[in-house]
N, C-alpha and C. Protein backbone atom coordinates (compact mmCIF):
# COMPACT_ATOMS: atom_id res chain seq x y z
N UNK A 1 0.82 -1.21 0.00
CA UNK A 1 0.00 0.00 0.00
C UNK A 1 0.85 1.26 0.00
N UNK A 2 2.11 1.18 0.52
CA UNK A 2 2.94 2.37 0.60
C UNK A 2 3.55 2.75 -0.74
N UNK A 3 3.71 1.76 -1.63
CA UNK A 3 4.42 2.02 -2.87
C UNK A 3 3.79 3.12 -3.71
N UNK A 4 2.48 3.13 -3.95
CA UNK A 4 1.89 4.20 -4.75
C UNK A 4 2.10 5.56 -4.13
N UNK A 5 2.07 5.66 -2.80
CA UNK A 5 2.27 6.94 -2.14
C UNK A 5 3.64 7.50 -2.46
N UNK A 6 4.67 6.67 -2.33
CA UNK A 6 6.02 7.16 -2.57
C UNK A 6 6.25 7.44 -4.04
N UNK A 7 5.61 6.65 -4.92
CA UNK A 7 5.72 6.95 -6.34
C UNK A 7 5.11 8.29 -6.66
N UNK A 8 3.94 8.57 -6.02
CA UNK A 8 3.28 9.84 -6.26
C UNK A 8 4.11 11.00 -5.74
N UNK A 9 4.67 10.84 -4.55
CA UNK A 9 5.52 11.89 -3.98
C UNK A 9 6.73 12.12 -4.87
N UNK A 10 7.32 11.03 -5.37
CA UNK A 10 8.49 11.17 -6.24
C UNK A 10 8.13 11.94 -7.50
N UNK A 11 6.94 11.67 -8.02
CA UNK A 11 6.49 12.38 -9.21
C UNK A 11 6.31 13.86 -8.94
N UNK A 12 5.81 14.17 -7.76
CA UNK A 12 5.56 15.57 -7.42
C UNK A 12 6.84 16.35 -7.26
N UNK A 13 7.92 15.70 -6.82
CA UNK A 13 9.14 16.45 -6.52
C UNK A 13 10.15 16.39 -7.66
N UNK A 14 9.78 15.72 -8.77
CA UNK A 14 10.69 15.65 -9.91
C UNK A 14 10.69 16.98 -10.66
N UNK A 15 11.87 17.51 -10.91
CA UNK A 15 12.00 18.77 -11.62
C UNK A 15 12.35 18.49 -13.07
N UNK A 16 11.61 19.01 -14.02
CA UNK A 16 11.93 18.80 -15.43
C UNK A 16 13.34 19.27 -15.73
N UNK A 17 14.03 18.55 -16.64
CA UNK A 17 15.42 18.87 -16.94
C UNK A 17 15.57 20.29 -17.47
N UNK A 18 14.60 20.75 -18.27
CA UNK A 18 14.70 22.09 -18.85
C UNK A 18 14.69 23.15 -17.78
N UNK A 19 13.86 22.95 -16.74
CA UNK A 19 13.77 23.94 -15.67
C UNK A 19 14.96 23.84 -14.72
N UNK A 20 15.54 22.65 -14.59
CA UNK A 20 16.64 22.45 -13.65
C UNK A 20 17.83 23.32 -14.01
N UNK A 21 17.98 23.64 -15.28
CA UNK A 21 19.09 24.46 -15.69
C UNK A 21 18.89 25.92 -15.30
N UNK A 22 17.65 26.32 -15.09
CA UNK A 22 17.34 27.72 -14.82
C UNK A 22 17.32 28.05 -13.33
N UNK A 23 17.06 27.04 -12.48
CA UNK A 23 16.86 27.28 -11.06
C UNK A 23 17.83 26.44 -10.24
N UNK A 24 18.46 27.06 -9.28
CA UNK A 24 19.31 26.30 -8.36
C UNK A 24 18.43 25.41 -7.50
N UNK A 25 18.73 24.12 -7.51
CA UNK A 25 17.89 23.18 -6.77
C UNK A 25 17.99 23.44 -5.27
N UNK A 26 16.85 23.34 -4.60
CA UNK A 26 16.79 23.50 -3.16
C UNK A 26 16.44 22.15 -2.55
N UNK A 27 17.25 21.69 -1.62
CA UNK A 27 17.00 20.41 -0.98
C UNK A 27 15.82 20.51 -0.03
N UNK A 28 14.96 19.51 -0.05
CA UNK A 28 13.86 19.46 0.90
C UNK A 28 14.40 19.26 2.30
N UNK A 29 13.76 19.90 3.26
CA UNK A 29 14.24 19.84 4.63
C UNK A 29 14.07 18.43 5.21
N UNK A 30 15.08 17.99 5.94
CA UNK A 30 14.92 16.74 6.68
C UNK A 30 13.96 16.97 7.84
N UNK A 31 13.46 15.89 8.41
CA UNK A 31 12.53 16.01 9.53
C UNK A 31 13.16 16.78 10.69
N UNK A 32 14.41 16.45 11.02
CA UNK A 32 15.09 17.14 12.13
C UNK A 32 15.32 18.60 11.82
N UNK A 33 15.71 18.91 10.58
CA UNK A 33 15.94 20.30 10.20
C UNK A 33 14.65 21.10 10.28
N UNK A 34 13.56 20.52 9.81
CA UNK A 34 12.28 21.22 9.84
C UNK A 34 11.83 21.46 11.27
N UNK A 35 12.01 20.49 12.14
CA UNK A 35 11.63 20.67 13.55
C UNK A 35 12.45 21.77 14.20
N UNK A 36 13.74 21.85 13.85
CA UNK A 36 14.57 22.94 14.38
C UNK A 36 14.08 24.30 13.89
N UNK A 37 13.68 24.36 12.62
CA UNK A 37 13.14 25.61 12.08
C UNK A 37 11.85 26.01 12.79
N UNK A 38 10.99 25.02 13.05
CA UNK A 38 9.72 25.29 13.72
C UNK A 38 9.97 25.76 15.15
N UNK A 39 10.90 25.12 15.85
CA UNK A 39 11.18 25.47 17.24
C UNK A 39 11.68 26.91 17.38
N UNK A 40 12.38 27.38 16.34
CA UNK A 40 12.89 28.76 16.37
C UNK A 40 11.96 29.71 15.63
N UNK A 41 10.81 29.22 15.23
CA UNK A 41 9.80 30.03 14.53
C UNK A 41 10.38 30.69 13.28
N UNK A 42 11.25 29.96 12.59
CA UNK A 42 11.85 30.49 11.37
C UNK A 42 11.45 29.69 10.14
N UNK A 43 10.45 28.81 10.28
CA UNK A 43 10.08 27.93 9.17
C UNK A 43 9.47 28.68 7.99
N UNK A 44 8.64 29.68 8.26
CA UNK A 44 8.03 30.43 7.16
C UNK A 44 9.06 31.32 6.46
N UNK A 45 9.98 31.90 7.23
CA UNK A 45 11.05 32.70 6.62
C UNK A 45 11.91 31.83 5.70
N UNK A 46 12.15 30.59 6.13
CA UNK A 46 12.97 29.69 5.32
C UNK A 46 12.28 29.35 4.01
N UNK A 47 10.98 29.12 4.05
CA UNK A 47 10.24 28.82 2.82
C UNK A 47 10.32 30.00 1.85
N UNK A 48 10.16 31.21 2.39
CA UNK A 48 10.29 32.41 1.54
C UNK A 48 11.72 32.53 0.99
N UNK A 49 12.70 32.30 1.84
CA UNK A 49 14.10 32.42 1.42
C UNK A 49 14.45 31.43 0.32
N UNK A 50 13.76 30.30 0.29
CA UNK A 50 13.98 29.29 -0.75
C UNK A 50 13.15 29.57 -2.00
N UNK A 51 12.62 30.80 -2.09
CA UNK A 51 11.87 31.25 -3.28
C UNK A 51 10.66 30.38 -3.59
N UNK A 52 10.08 29.82 -2.56
CA UNK A 52 8.83 29.05 -2.71
C UNK A 52 8.98 27.85 -3.65
N UNK A 53 10.20 27.34 -3.79
CA UNK A 53 10.43 26.23 -4.73
C UNK A 53 9.89 24.89 -4.23
N UNK A 54 9.66 24.78 -2.91
CA UNK A 54 9.35 23.47 -2.33
C UNK A 54 7.87 23.29 -1.99
N UNK A 55 7.01 24.16 -2.50
CA UNK A 55 5.59 24.11 -2.12
C UNK A 55 4.99 22.75 -2.43
N UNK A 56 5.22 22.22 -3.64
CA UNK A 56 4.63 20.93 -4.00
C UNK A 56 5.15 19.81 -3.12
N UNK A 57 6.44 19.85 -2.81
CA UNK A 57 7.02 18.83 -1.92
C UNK A 57 6.37 18.88 -0.54
N UNK A 58 6.24 20.09 -0.01
CA UNK A 58 5.66 20.27 1.32
C UNK A 58 4.21 19.81 1.33
N UNK A 59 3.46 20.20 0.32
CA UNK A 59 2.05 19.81 0.26
C UNK A 59 1.90 18.30 0.18
N UNK A 60 2.75 17.65 -0.61
CA UNK A 60 2.67 16.19 -0.74
C UNK A 60 2.92 15.50 0.59
N UNK A 61 3.90 15.97 1.34
CA UNK A 61 4.21 15.35 2.62
C UNK A 61 3.17 15.66 3.68
N UNK A 62 2.46 16.76 3.52
CA UNK A 62 1.38 17.09 4.45
C UNK A 62 0.11 16.33 4.13
N UNK A 63 -0.30 16.33 2.86
CA UNK A 63 -1.60 15.78 2.47
C UNK A 63 -1.55 14.29 2.15
N UNK A 64 -0.45 13.83 1.56
CA UNK A 64 -0.38 12.44 1.12
C UNK A 64 0.28 11.55 2.17
N UNK A 65 1.46 11.99 2.65
CA UNK A 65 2.18 11.18 3.62
C UNK A 65 1.74 11.47 5.06
N UNK A 66 1.06 12.61 5.25
CA UNK A 66 0.52 13.00 6.57
C UNK A 66 1.61 13.05 7.64
N UNK A 67 2.76 13.61 7.28
CA UNK A 67 3.84 13.79 8.25
C UNK A 67 3.52 15.03 9.09
N UNK A 68 3.47 14.89 10.42
CA UNK A 68 2.98 16.00 11.26
C UNK A 68 3.78 17.29 11.12
N UNK A 69 5.10 17.20 11.00
CA UNK A 69 5.90 18.42 10.87
C UNK A 69 5.54 19.16 9.59
N UNK A 70 5.28 18.41 8.53
CA UNK A 70 4.91 19.04 7.26
C UNK A 70 3.45 19.50 7.26
N UNK A 71 2.58 18.81 7.98
CA UNK A 71 1.21 19.30 8.16
C UNK A 71 1.23 20.65 8.88
N UNK A 72 2.07 20.74 9.89
CA UNK A 72 2.21 21.99 10.63
C UNK A 72 2.72 23.10 9.73
N UNK A 73 3.79 22.80 8.97
CA UNK A 73 4.39 23.80 8.10
C UNK A 73 3.41 24.26 7.03
N UNK A 74 2.77 23.32 6.36
CA UNK A 74 1.86 23.70 5.28
C UNK A 74 0.63 24.41 5.83
N UNK A 75 0.17 23.99 7.01
CA UNK A 75 -0.95 24.68 7.65
C UNK A 75 -0.62 26.13 7.93
N UNK A 76 0.58 26.38 8.44
CA UNK A 76 1.02 27.75 8.70
C UNK A 76 1.13 28.54 7.40
N UNK A 77 1.67 27.90 6.36
CA UNK A 77 1.79 28.58 5.06
C UNK A 77 0.43 29.00 4.54
N UNK A 78 -0.56 28.14 4.66
CA UNK A 78 -1.91 28.46 4.20
C UNK A 78 -2.55 29.56 5.06
N UNK A 79 -2.35 29.49 6.37
CA UNK A 79 -2.96 30.47 7.26
C UNK A 79 -2.39 31.87 7.05
N UNK A 80 -1.09 31.95 6.74
CA UNK A 80 -0.43 33.25 6.58
C UNK A 80 -0.15 33.60 5.12
N UNK A 81 -0.66 32.79 4.20
CA UNK A 81 -0.49 33.06 2.77
C UNK A 81 0.98 33.18 2.38
N UNK A 82 1.78 32.23 2.82
CA UNK A 82 3.20 32.20 2.47
C UNK A 82 3.39 31.25 1.31
N UNK A 83 3.66 31.78 0.14
CA UNK A 83 3.90 31.02 -1.09
C UNK A 83 2.67 30.31 -1.63
N UNK A 84 1.55 30.44 -0.98
CA UNK A 84 0.29 29.84 -1.44
C UNK A 84 -0.85 30.82 -1.15
N UNK A 85 -1.98 30.70 -1.86
CA UNK A 85 -3.13 31.55 -1.54
C UNK A 85 -3.62 31.26 -0.13
N UNK A 86 -4.07 32.30 0.57
CA UNK A 86 -4.54 32.12 1.94
C UNK A 86 -5.77 31.21 1.97
N UNK A 87 -5.72 30.22 2.87
CA UNK A 87 -6.85 29.33 3.11
C UNK A 87 -6.79 28.95 4.60
N UNK A 88 -7.36 29.82 5.43
CA UNK A 88 -7.24 29.65 6.88
C UNK A 88 -7.91 28.36 7.35
N UNK A 89 -9.07 28.04 6.80
CA UNK A 89 -9.79 26.85 7.26
C UNK A 89 -8.97 25.58 7.01
N UNK A 90 -8.42 25.46 5.81
CA UNK A 90 -7.60 24.28 5.51
C UNK A 90 -6.32 24.29 6.34
N UNK A 91 -5.74 25.47 6.48
CA UNK A 91 -4.53 25.56 7.29
C UNK A 91 -4.77 25.15 8.73
N UNK A 92 -5.88 25.62 9.30
CA UNK A 92 -6.22 25.27 10.67
C UNK A 92 -6.44 23.77 10.81
N UNK A 93 -7.11 23.17 9.83
CA UNK A 93 -7.36 21.73 9.87
C UNK A 93 -6.04 20.96 9.86
N UNK A 94 -5.07 21.40 9.08
CA UNK A 94 -3.78 20.73 9.05
C UNK A 94 -3.03 20.88 10.38
N UNK A 95 -3.14 22.07 10.99
CA UNK A 95 -2.52 22.26 12.30
C UNK A 95 -3.14 21.32 13.33
N UNK A 96 -4.45 21.17 13.28
CA UNK A 96 -5.13 20.26 14.20
C UNK A 96 -4.70 18.81 13.96
N UNK A 97 -4.52 18.44 12.69
CA UNK A 97 -4.06 17.08 12.39
C UNK A 97 -2.66 16.84 12.95
N UNK A 98 -1.79 17.84 12.81
CA UNK A 98 -0.44 17.71 13.35
C UNK A 98 -0.48 17.59 14.87
N UNK A 99 -1.35 18.38 15.50
CA UNK A 99 -1.49 18.32 16.96
C UNK A 99 -2.03 16.95 17.38
N UNK A 100 -2.99 16.44 16.62
CA UNK A 100 -3.58 15.14 16.95
C UNK A 100 -2.55 14.02 16.86
N UNK A 101 -1.52 14.21 16.05
CA UNK A 101 -0.46 13.21 15.96
C UNK A 101 0.60 13.39 17.04
N UNK A 102 0.42 14.42 17.90
CA UNK A 102 1.30 14.58 19.04
C UNK A 102 2.52 15.43 18.80
N UNK A 103 2.54 16.24 17.74
CA UNK A 103 3.68 17.13 17.51
C UNK A 103 3.62 18.26 18.53
N UNK A 104 4.60 18.35 19.44
CA UNK A 104 4.55 19.36 20.50
C UNK A 104 4.40 20.79 19.99
N UNK A 105 5.10 21.11 18.90
CA UNK A 105 5.03 22.46 18.36
C UNK A 105 3.63 22.79 17.84
N UNK A 106 2.97 21.81 17.28
CA UNK A 106 1.60 22.03 16.81
C UNK A 106 0.65 22.17 18.00
N UNK A 107 0.83 21.35 19.01
CA UNK A 107 0.00 21.46 20.21
C UNK A 107 0.16 22.83 20.85
N UNK A 108 1.41 23.31 20.91
CA UNK A 108 1.66 24.63 21.50
C UNK A 108 1.02 25.74 20.68
N UNK A 109 1.15 25.65 19.36
CA UNK A 109 0.61 26.72 18.52
C UNK A 109 -0.91 26.75 18.57
N UNK A 110 -1.54 25.58 18.50
CA UNK A 110 -3.00 25.54 18.58
C UNK A 110 -3.46 26.10 19.93
N UNK A 111 -2.77 25.70 21.01
CA UNK A 111 -3.11 26.24 22.32
C UNK A 111 -2.94 27.74 22.38
N UNK A 112 -1.87 28.24 21.78
CA UNK A 112 -1.61 29.69 21.77
C UNK A 112 -2.69 30.42 20.99
N UNK A 113 -3.10 29.86 19.86
CA UNK A 113 -4.13 30.52 19.06
C UNK A 113 -5.48 30.54 19.79
N UNK A 114 -5.79 29.47 20.51
CA UNK A 114 -7.02 29.48 21.31
C UNK A 114 -6.91 30.51 22.44
N UNK A 115 -5.72 30.73 22.95
CA UNK A 115 -5.52 31.69 24.03
C UNK A 115 -5.71 33.12 23.54
N UNK A 116 -5.09 33.45 22.40
CA UNK A 116 -5.12 34.84 21.93
C UNK A 116 -6.24 35.11 20.93
N UNK A 117 -6.92 34.04 20.50
CA UNK A 117 -8.03 34.25 19.56
C UNK A 117 -7.58 34.53 18.14
N UNK A 118 -6.51 33.91 17.69
CA UNK A 118 -6.07 34.08 16.30
C UNK A 118 -6.63 32.94 15.46
N UNK A 119 -7.34 33.28 14.42
CA UNK A 119 -8.00 32.36 13.49
C UNK A 119 -9.24 31.70 14.11
N UNK A 120 -9.30 31.63 15.45
CA UNK A 120 -10.45 31.02 16.14
C UNK A 120 -10.86 31.95 17.28
N UNK A 121 -12.02 31.68 17.86
CA UNK A 121 -12.47 32.46 19.01
C UNK A 121 -11.66 32.07 20.24
N UNK A 122 -11.47 33.02 21.13
CA UNK A 122 -10.77 32.73 22.38
C UNK A 122 -11.49 31.62 23.13
N UNK A 123 -10.74 30.61 23.53
CA UNK A 123 -11.30 29.49 24.30
C UNK A 123 -10.20 29.05 25.28
N UNK A 124 -10.24 29.58 26.48
CA UNK A 124 -9.18 29.31 27.46
C UNK A 124 -9.15 27.84 27.86
N UNK A 125 -10.31 27.22 27.97
CA UNK A 125 -10.34 25.80 28.34
C UNK A 125 -9.59 24.95 27.32
N UNK A 126 -9.85 25.19 26.03
CA UNK A 126 -9.13 24.45 24.99
C UNK A 126 -7.65 24.81 24.99
N UNK A 127 -7.36 26.08 25.21
CA UNK A 127 -5.95 26.51 25.27
C UNK A 127 -5.21 25.73 26.35
N UNK A 128 -5.82 25.60 27.51
CA UNK A 128 -5.19 24.88 28.62
C UNK A 128 -4.92 23.42 28.26
N UNK A 129 -5.86 22.78 27.59
CA UNK A 129 -5.71 21.38 27.22
C UNK A 129 -4.52 21.19 26.28
N UNK A 130 -4.47 21.99 25.22
CA UNK A 130 -3.39 21.86 24.25
C UNK A 130 -2.04 22.25 24.84
N UNK A 131 -2.02 23.32 25.61
CA UNK A 131 -0.76 23.77 26.20
C UNK A 131 -0.24 22.76 27.22
N UNK A 132 -1.15 22.17 27.99
CA UNK A 132 -0.74 21.16 28.96
C UNK A 132 -0.08 19.98 28.26
N UNK A 133 -0.68 19.53 27.16
CA UNK A 133 -0.12 18.39 26.43
C UNK A 133 1.25 18.73 25.87
N UNK A 134 1.39 19.93 25.31
CA UNK A 134 2.68 20.33 24.75
C UNK A 134 3.73 20.49 25.85
N UNK A 135 3.33 21.07 26.98
CA UNK A 135 4.25 21.24 28.10
C UNK A 135 4.72 19.90 28.64
N UNK A 136 3.80 18.95 28.74
CA UNK A 136 4.14 17.62 29.23
C UNK A 136 5.14 16.92 28.32
N UNK A 137 5.17 17.34 27.03
CA UNK A 137 6.10 16.75 26.07
C UNK A 137 7.39 17.56 25.96
N UNK A 138 7.53 18.57 26.83
CA UNK A 138 8.80 19.29 26.91
C UNK A 138 8.87 20.61 26.20
N UNK A 139 7.77 21.09 25.60
CA UNK A 139 7.81 22.35 24.87
C UNK A 139 7.87 23.53 25.85
N UNK A 140 8.97 24.27 25.81
CA UNK A 140 9.18 25.33 26.79
C UNK A 140 8.19 26.48 26.62
N UNK A 141 7.88 26.86 25.39
CA UNK A 141 6.91 27.94 25.18
C UNK A 141 5.55 27.58 25.78
N UNK A 142 5.18 26.30 25.66
CA UNK A 142 3.92 25.85 26.24
C UNK A 142 3.97 25.90 27.76
N UNK A 143 5.11 25.51 28.34
CA UNK A 143 5.25 25.58 29.80
C UNK A 143 5.08 27.01 30.30
N UNK A 144 5.67 27.96 29.59
CA UNK A 144 5.58 29.36 30.00
C UNK A 144 4.15 29.89 29.88
N UNK A 145 3.51 29.63 28.75
CA UNK A 145 2.15 30.15 28.55
C UNK A 145 1.16 29.47 29.49
N UNK A 146 1.35 28.16 29.71
CA UNK A 146 0.45 27.43 30.61
C UNK A 146 0.57 28.00 32.03
N UNK A 147 1.80 28.25 32.48
CA UNK A 147 2.00 28.83 33.81
C UNK A 147 1.37 30.21 33.91
N UNK A 148 1.50 31.01 32.84
CA UNK A 148 0.93 32.35 32.86
C UNK A 148 -0.59 32.29 32.98
N UNK A 149 -1.21 31.34 32.31
CA UNK A 149 -2.66 31.19 32.42
C UNK A 149 -3.06 30.82 33.85
N UNK A 150 -2.29 29.93 34.47
CA UNK A 150 -2.58 29.57 35.86
C UNK A 150 -2.41 30.77 36.78
N UNK A 151 -1.35 31.54 36.58
CA UNK A 151 -1.11 32.73 37.39
C UNK A 151 -2.25 33.74 37.22
N UNK A 152 -2.79 33.79 36.01
CA UNK A 152 -3.87 34.74 35.71
C UNK A 152 -5.22 34.29 36.23
N UNK A 153 -5.26 33.12 36.87
CA UNK A 153 -6.50 32.67 37.48
C UNK A 153 -7.28 31.63 36.70
N UNK A 154 -6.71 31.13 35.63
CA UNK A 154 -7.39 30.10 34.85
C UNK A 154 -6.93 28.71 35.31
N UNK A 155 -7.63 27.69 34.87
CA UNK A 155 -7.23 26.33 35.21
C UNK A 155 -7.58 25.97 36.64
N UNK A 156 -6.90 24.96 37.14
CA UNK A 156 -7.20 24.43 38.47
C UNK A 156 -5.97 24.52 39.38
N UNK A 157 -6.17 24.81 40.67
CA UNK A 157 -5.05 24.83 41.62
C UNK A 157 -4.28 23.52 41.70
N UNK A 158 -4.93 22.42 41.35
CA UNK A 158 -4.22 21.14 41.40
C UNK A 158 -3.09 21.07 40.38
N UNK A 159 -3.10 21.99 39.42
CA UNK A 159 -2.06 21.99 38.39
C UNK A 159 -0.88 22.89 38.75
N UNK A 160 -0.96 23.63 39.84
CA UNK A 160 0.12 24.54 40.20
C UNK A 160 1.45 23.82 40.39
N UNK A 161 1.41 22.71 41.13
CA UNK A 161 2.65 22.01 41.45
C UNK A 161 3.34 21.50 40.19
N UNK A 162 2.58 20.89 39.28
CA UNK A 162 3.18 20.35 38.07
C UNK A 162 3.76 21.48 37.21
N UNK A 163 3.03 22.58 37.10
CA UNK A 163 3.52 23.71 36.32
C UNK A 163 4.80 24.27 36.93
N UNK A 164 4.83 24.39 38.25
CA UNK A 164 6.04 24.87 38.94
C UNK A 164 7.20 23.92 38.66
N UNK A 165 6.94 22.62 38.73
CA UNK A 165 7.99 21.62 38.51
C UNK A 165 8.56 21.74 37.10
N UNK A 166 7.68 21.89 36.11
CA UNK A 166 8.14 22.04 34.72
C UNK A 166 9.09 23.23 34.59
N UNK A 167 8.71 24.35 35.16
CA UNK A 167 9.52 25.56 35.01
C UNK A 167 10.80 25.49 35.85
N UNK A 168 10.70 24.95 37.04
CA UNK A 168 11.87 24.88 37.91
C UNK A 168 12.99 24.06 37.27
N UNK A 169 12.62 23.04 36.51
CA UNK A 169 13.62 22.17 35.88
C UNK A 169 13.83 22.50 34.40
N UNK A 170 13.28 23.61 33.94
CA UNK A 170 13.44 24.00 32.54
C UNK A 170 14.86 24.45 32.27
N UNK A 171 15.31 24.24 31.04
CA UNK A 171 16.66 24.62 30.63
C UNK A 171 16.57 25.55 29.43
N UNK A 172 17.26 26.68 29.51
CA UNK A 172 17.30 27.63 28.39
C UNK A 172 18.56 28.48 28.50
N UNK A 173 19.14 28.80 27.34
CA UNK A 173 20.34 29.65 27.32
C UNK A 173 19.98 31.12 27.23
N UNK A 174 18.70 31.41 27.07
CA UNK A 174 18.26 32.80 26.89
C UNK A 174 18.00 33.46 28.24
N UNK A 175 18.67 34.59 28.50
CA UNK A 175 18.53 35.26 29.80
C UNK A 175 17.13 35.83 30.00
N UNK A 176 16.53 36.31 28.92
CA UNK A 176 15.17 36.82 29.03
C UNK A 176 14.19 35.74 29.43
N UNK A 177 14.39 34.56 28.87
CA UNK A 177 13.53 33.42 29.23
C UNK A 177 13.73 33.05 30.69
N UNK A 178 14.99 33.06 31.16
CA UNK A 178 15.26 32.76 32.56
C UNK A 178 14.56 33.76 33.48
N UNK A 179 14.58 35.02 33.11
CA UNK A 179 13.93 36.04 33.92
C UNK A 179 12.43 35.80 33.99
N UNK A 180 11.85 35.43 32.86
CA UNK A 180 10.40 35.16 32.85
C UNK A 180 10.06 33.93 33.69
N UNK A 181 10.92 32.90 33.60
CA UNK A 181 10.70 31.71 34.41
C UNK A 181 10.72 32.06 35.89
N UNK A 182 11.70 32.85 36.30
CA UNK A 182 11.81 33.23 37.70
C UNK A 182 10.57 34.00 38.17
N UNK A 183 10.10 34.88 37.33
CA UNK A 183 8.91 35.65 37.68
C UNK A 183 7.70 34.75 37.86
N UNK A 184 7.52 33.81 36.93
CA UNK A 184 6.37 32.90 37.01
C UNK A 184 6.50 31.96 38.22
N UNK A 185 7.72 31.52 38.51
CA UNK A 185 7.92 30.65 39.67
C UNK A 185 7.55 31.38 40.96
N UNK A 186 7.94 32.63 41.06
CA UNK A 186 7.58 33.42 42.25
C UNK A 186 6.07 33.58 42.38
N UNK A 187 5.42 33.81 41.26
CA UNK A 187 3.96 34.00 41.29
C UNK A 187 3.24 32.70 41.62
N UNK A 188 3.73 31.59 41.06
CA UNK A 188 3.12 30.30 41.38
C UNK A 188 3.35 29.92 42.83
N UNK A 189 4.55 30.21 43.35
CA UNK A 189 4.88 29.85 44.72
C UNK A 189 3.94 30.53 45.72
N UNK A 190 3.48 31.73 45.39
CA UNK A 190 2.57 32.44 46.28
C UNK A 190 1.20 31.77 46.38
N UNK A 191 0.91 30.89 45.44
CA UNK A 191 -0.38 30.23 45.39
C UNK A 191 -0.36 28.85 46.05
N UNK A 192 0.84 28.42 46.55
CA UNK A 192 0.97 27.07 47.09
C UNK A 192 1.60 27.08 48.47
N UNK A 193 1.29 26.09 49.29
CA UNK A 193 2.00 25.92 50.57
C UNK A 193 3.47 25.64 50.32
N UNK A 194 4.32 25.98 51.27
CA UNK A 194 5.76 25.80 51.11
C UNK A 194 6.15 24.33 50.88
N UNK A 195 5.42 23.42 51.52
CA UNK A 195 5.75 22.00 51.36
C UNK A 195 5.50 21.54 49.92
N UNK A 196 4.49 22.12 49.26
CA UNK A 196 4.20 21.76 47.87
C UNK A 196 5.28 22.33 46.95
N UNK A 197 5.72 23.55 47.23
CA UNK A 197 6.81 24.15 46.46
C UNK A 197 8.07 23.31 46.61
N UNK A 198 8.37 22.88 47.83
CA UNK A 198 9.55 22.05 48.07
C UNK A 198 9.47 20.74 47.30
N UNK A 199 8.28 20.17 47.26
CA UNK A 199 8.09 18.93 46.51
C UNK A 199 8.33 19.14 45.02
N UNK A 200 7.86 20.27 44.50
CA UNK A 200 8.02 20.56 43.08
C UNK A 200 9.47 20.80 42.69
N UNK A 201 10.29 21.21 43.66
CA UNK A 201 11.71 21.49 43.39
C UNK A 201 12.58 20.24 43.42
N UNK A 202 12.05 19.13 43.90
CA UNK A 202 12.85 17.93 43.98
C UNK A 202 13.25 17.45 42.58
N UNK A 203 14.42 16.82 42.47
CA UNK A 203 14.88 16.35 41.16
C UNK A 203 13.87 15.41 40.50
N UNK A 204 13.73 15.56 39.20
CA UNK A 204 12.81 14.72 38.46
C UNK A 204 13.51 13.39 38.16
N UNK A 205 12.85 12.30 38.47
CA UNK A 205 13.45 10.98 38.24
C UNK A 205 13.00 10.42 36.91
């Protein structure tokens, strides 16, 4: 069953010989490279920098192979009209598909959009669900936004300890991020008994 899919993808990414002489070939991003681009929020800039040469390749991997990183990328391209006509509904659906497959970056972005009301109506309950899942999978942006929502009075007090634990053991080389973590930790600590804070600070096994 996989053979026709790969044949179709190969057909989509084949460049005619006549055109190959006119355009410098751009290599399709590896899965790890694309995830690094997404984590630094530079994936759309990279697609533009590559002169939109990889649109068919990206679409094939999103729609045919259903690779979550490419679903996320193509969904973002459609939502922001990067190298393709804007189609927010289809873009949002692809982001949801990527999130459903457990891609932390997609879970974080969907949660963020529900929080700020971009492309969808504000829904804090849904934001908390998606951000919690992304945070549990190690996404630092999700940990920060989830903690901020708790500090702002959303969610449940039973989640304070876990949120504190995530941030207390978070690792980042960015000083601004460290400052924000410290601020959120102080705010969360004020909402919990000292013994709970002490428990959250214990090393994670």
